[in-house]
C-alpha atoms as a PDB file:
ATOM      1  CA  MET A   1      93.563 158.738   4.970  1.00  0.00           C
ATOM      2  CA  ASP A   2      95.425 161.931   4.093  1.00  0.00           C
ATOM      3  CA  ALA A   3      98.104 163.352   6.330  1.00  0.00           C
ATOM      4  CA  GLY A   4      97.276 166.413   8.407  1.00  0.00           C
ATOM      5  CA  PRO A   5      99.151 169.689   8.837  1.00  0.00           C
ATOM      6  CA  LEU A   6     102.838 169.653   9.672  1.00  0.00           C
ATOM      7  CA  ILE A   7     103.909 171.793  12.628  1.00  0.00           C
ATOM      8  CA  ALA A   8     107.650 172.530  12.590  1.00  0.00           C
ATOM      9  CA  THR A   9     108.882 173.655  15.995  1.00  0.00           C
ATOM     10  CA  GLY A  10     112.617 174.102  15.472  1.00  0.00           C
ATOM     11  CA  THR A  11     114.981 174.214  18.426  1.00  0.00           C
ATOM     12  CA  PRO A  12     113.494 175.117  21.817  1.00  0.00           C
ATOM     13  CA  GLY A  13     114.462 178.559  23.073  1.00  0.00           C
ATOM     14  CA  GLY A  14     117.249 178.682  25.637  1.00  0.00           C
ATOM     15  CA  ILE A  15     118.876 175.402  24.578  1.00  0.00           C
ATOM     16  CA  GLY A  16     122.164 174.844  22.825  1.00  0.00           C
ATOM     17  CA  ALA A  17     125.576 176.140  22.081  1.00  0.00           C
ATOM     18  CA  GLY A  18     124.430 179.785  21.971  1.00  0.00           C
ATOM     19  CA  ARG A  19     124.200 179.948  25.765  1.00  0.00           C
ATOM     20  CA  ASP A  20     126.985 180.570  28.220  1.00  0.00           C
ATOM     21  CA  PRO A  21     127.348 178.090  29.816  1.00  0.00           C
ATOM     22  CA  LYS A  22     126.206 175.792  27.008  1.00  0.00           C
ATOM     23  CA  VAL A  23     122.982 173.856  27.737  1.00  0.00           C
ATOM     24  CA  PHE A  24     121.892 170.742  25.852  1.00  0.00           C
ATOM     25  CA  LEU A  25     118.992 168.326  26.165  1.00  0.00           C
ATOM     26  CA  ARG A  26     119.790 165.184  28.150  1.00  0.00           C
ATOM     27  CA  PRO A  27     117.982 161.910  28.808  1.00  0.00           C
ATOM     28  CA  GLY A  28     115.047 162.560  31.107  1.00  0.00           C
ATOM     29  CA  HIS A  29     114.392 166.102  29.902  1.00  0.00           C
ATOM     30  CA  GLN A  30     110.917 166.662  28.503  1.00  0.00           C
ATOM     31  CA  LEU A  31     109.934 168.920  25.602  1.00  0.00           C
ATOM     32  CA  VAL A  32     106.380 170.227  25.608  1.00  0.00           C
ATOM     33  CA  THR A  33     104.936 171.824  22.480  1.00  0.00           C
ATOM     34  CA  PHE A  34     101.572 173.547  22.789  1.00  0.00           C
ATOM     35  CA  VAL A  35      99.523 174.898  19.904  1.00  0.00           C
ATOM     36  CA  GLU A  36      96.379 176.752  20.938  1.00  0.00           C
ATOM     37  CA  GLY A  37      93.296 175.133  19.491  1.00  0.00           C
ATOM     38  CA  VAL A  38      95.235 171.984  18.569  1.00  0.00           C
ATOM     39  CA  GLY A  39      96.633 170.590  21.807  1.00  0.00           C
ATOM     40  CA  GLU A  40      99.847 169.541  23.477  1.00  0.00           C
ATOM     41  CA  LEU A  41     102.643 167.181  22.456  1.00  0.00           C
ATOM     42  CA  ARG A  42     105.131 165.853  25.032  1.00  0.00           C
ATOM     43  CA  ASN A  43     108.419 164.181  24.072  1.00  0.00           C
ATOM     44  CA  THR A  44     110.870 162.756  26.592  1.00  0.00           C
ATOM     45  CA  VAL A  45     114.560 162.660  25.659  1.00  0.00           C
ATOM     46  CA  VAL A  46     116.031 159.151  25.849  1.00  0.00           C
ATOM     47  CA  LYS A  47     119.585 157.878  25.470  1.00  0.00           C
ATOM     48  CA  ASP A  48     120.483 156.646  21.980  1.00  0.00           C
ATOM     49  CA  ARG A  49     120.720 152.858  21.897  1.00  0.00           C
ATOM     50  CA  LEU A  50     123.775 152.828  19.611  1.00  0.00           C
END
């Protein structure tokens, strides 16, 4: 089976060091990516196990 298209989303708008005050993703936050005609992808941020 061949791989399908790759959808690069980059950094979500409104997150990061560019804000004042700074805002970063934390465990429990959820990122939702929606592409019309393709569907929705949900990722939940979890704490690194290291």
